[in-house]
Amino acid sequence: MYKFKGKEYPCCASLTMGVIGGKWKTVILFHLIEGTLRYSELRKQMPTVTERTLSLQLKTLEEDGIIKRKVYTSKPPLKVEYSLTDFGKTLIPVVQIIADWGVSAVEEKGEVIE
């Protein structure tokens, strides 16, 4: 058994999927690989995600120490930026391999829709 952030997992693969699994977490991480993005920029990159879901996934990733949230309140309007933490950056190879597999799967058995 493994324990991470108060949750127990039966194996290390389960722990990893608990942190980055689901429909949107890996997508968020993929977009943050290139650098910091504002909330609105993330929304544009992920047009089919609901605002509620995006907010909840960002919050969970932040609680797990994978991303950091920076709020600028010096002048309106409020500006919020998200970026990978050093711990989150350790997931870049994992996320990149997942993305690469998606590209090869499309090349072999799918199609690109523009």
Protein backbone atom coordinates (compact mmCIF):
# COMPACT_ATOMS: atom_id res chain seq x y z
CA MET A 1 0.00 0.00 0.00
CA TYR A 2 1.07 3.56 -0.70
CA LYS A 3 -0.09 6.74 0.98
CA PHE A 4 0.01 10.18 -0.66
CA LYS A 5 -1.67 13.35 0.60
CA GLY A 6 -3.80 11.35 3.03
CA LYS A 7 -5.10 8.88 0.44
CA GLU A 8 -4.14 5.23 0.21
CA TYR A 9 -3.35 3.46 -3.04
CA PRO A 10 -2.88 -0.29 -3.65
CA CYS A 11 0.11 0.21 -6.00
CA CYS A 12 2.39 2.90 -7.41
CA ALA A 13 0.53 2.92 -10.77
CA SER A 14 -2.72 3.55 -8.92
CA LEU A 15 -1.11 6.45 -7.06
CA THR A 16 0.13 8.01 -10.31
CA MET A 17 -3.29 7.67 -11.94
CA GLY A 18 -4.90 9.08 -8.81
CA VAL A 19 -2.81 12.22 -9.20
CA ILE A 20 -2.93 12.70 -13.00
CA GLY A 21 -5.83 10.46 -14.04
CA GLY A 22 -9.20 11.51 -15.29
CA LYS A 23 -10.22 13.27 -18.45
CA TRP A 24 -8.66 16.70 -17.83
CA LYS A 25 -5.70 16.62 -15.44
CA THR A 26 -3.22 15.27 -17.99
CA VAL A 27 -4.53 17.74 -20.58
CA ILE A 28 -3.96 20.62 -18.15
CA LEU A 29 -0.44 19.39 -17.44
CA PHE A 30 0.27 19.00 -21.17
CA HIS A 31 -0.63 22.65 -21.78
CA LEU A 32 1.45 23.84 -18.81
CA ILE A 33 4.61 22.06 -20.06
CA GLU A 34 5.47 25.08 -22.21
CA GLY A 35 5.10 27.50 -19.30
CA THR A 36 2.75 29.62 -17.26
CA LEU A 37 -0.81 30.17 -18.50
CA ARG A 38 -3.65 32.34 -17.28
CA TYR A 39 -6.98 30.70 -16.51
CA SER A 40 -8.54 32.17 -19.66
CA GLU A 41 -5.66 30.84 -21.79
CA LEU A 42 -6.20 27.35 -20.40
CA ARG A 43 -9.92 27.63 -21.18
CA LYS A 44 -9.12 28.53 -24.80
CA GLN A 45 -6.82 25.50 -25.08
CA MET A 46 -9.59 23.26 -23.70
CA PRO A 47 -12.85 24.56 -25.19
CA THR A 48 -14.95 21.51 -24.28
CA VAL A 49 -14.20 21.53 -20.53
CA THR A 50 -16.72 23.28 -18.30
CA GLU A 51 -15.55 26.11 -16.08
CA ARG A 52 -16.58 24.18 -12.98
CA THR A 53 -14.62 21.08 -14.02
CA LEU A 54 -11.54 23.10 -14.96
CA SER A 55 -11.63 24.94 -11.64
CA LEU A 56 -12.00 21.71 -9.66
CA GLN A 57 -9.19 19.96 -11.54
CA LEU A 58 -6.87 22.95 -11.09
CA LYS A 59 -7.68 23.02 -7.38
CA THR A 60 -6.95 19.29 -7.02
CA LEU A 61 -3.65 19.58 -8.91
CA GLU A 62 -2.69 22.52 -6.69
CA GLU A 63 -3.58 20.60 -3.52
CA ASP A 64 -1.41 17.71 -4.70
CA GLY A 65 1.52 20.08 -5.22
CA ILE A 66 1.63 19.54 -8.99
CA ILE A 67 0.78 23.09 -10.07
CA LYS A 68 1.03 26.48 -8.42
CA ARG A 69 -1.53 29.24 -8.61
CA LYS A 70 -0.43 32.85 -8.50
CA VAL A 71 -2.99 35.62 -8.02
CA TYR A 72 -2.20 39.21 -8.95
CA THR A 73 -4.40 41.63 -7.03
CA SER A 74 -2.46 44.86 -7.47
CA LYS A 75 -4.87 46.25 -10.03
CA PRO A 76 -8.23 45.14 -11.40
CA PRO A 77 -9.11 42.94 -13.12
CA LEU A 78 -7.90 40.04 -11.02
CA LYS A 79 -5.24 37.98 -12.83
CA VAL A 80 -4.61 34.30 -12.02
CA GLU A 81 -1.74 32.30 -13.50
CA TYR A 82 -0.97 28.58 -13.30
CA SER A 83 2.38 26.85 -13.71
CA LEU A 84 4.02 23.55 -12.87
CA THR A 85 5.82 23.24 -9.56
CA ASP A 86 9.24 21.59 -9.47
CA PHE A 87 7.43 18.44 -8.32
CA GLY A 88 4.95 18.83 -11.19
CA LYS A 89 7.79 19.15 -13.69
CA THR A 90 8.85 15.61 -12.80
CA LEU A 91 5.67 14.50 -14.61
CA ILE A 92 6.70 16.09 -17.94
CA PRO A 93 8.26 12.88 -19.33
CA VAL A 94 5.16 10.89 -18.35
CA VAL A 95 2.77 13.40 -19.92
CA GLN A 96 4.95 13.70 -23.04
CA ILE A 97 4.98 9.93 -23.53
CA ILE A 98 1.18 9.84 -23.17
CA ALA A 99 0.90 12.62 -25.79
CA ASP A 100 3.36 10.88 -28.12
CA TRP A 101 1.37 7.66 -27.87
CA GLY A 102 -1.76 9.61 -28.85
CA VAL A 103 0.00 10.93 -31.96
CA SER A 104 1.16 7.44 -32.97
CA ALA A 105 -2.29 5.98 -32.33
CA VAL A 106 -3.86 8.57 -34.66
CA GLU A 107 -1.20 7.90 -37.29
CA GLU A 108 -1.84 4.17 -37.14
CA LYS A 109 -5.57 3.87 -36.55
CA GLY A 110 -7.21 7.29 -36.56
CA GLU A 111 -7.46 10.63 -38.25
CA VAL A 112 -6.80 14.27 -37.44
CA ILE A 113 -9.94 16.42 -37.43
CA GLU A 114 -9.38 20.11 -38.03
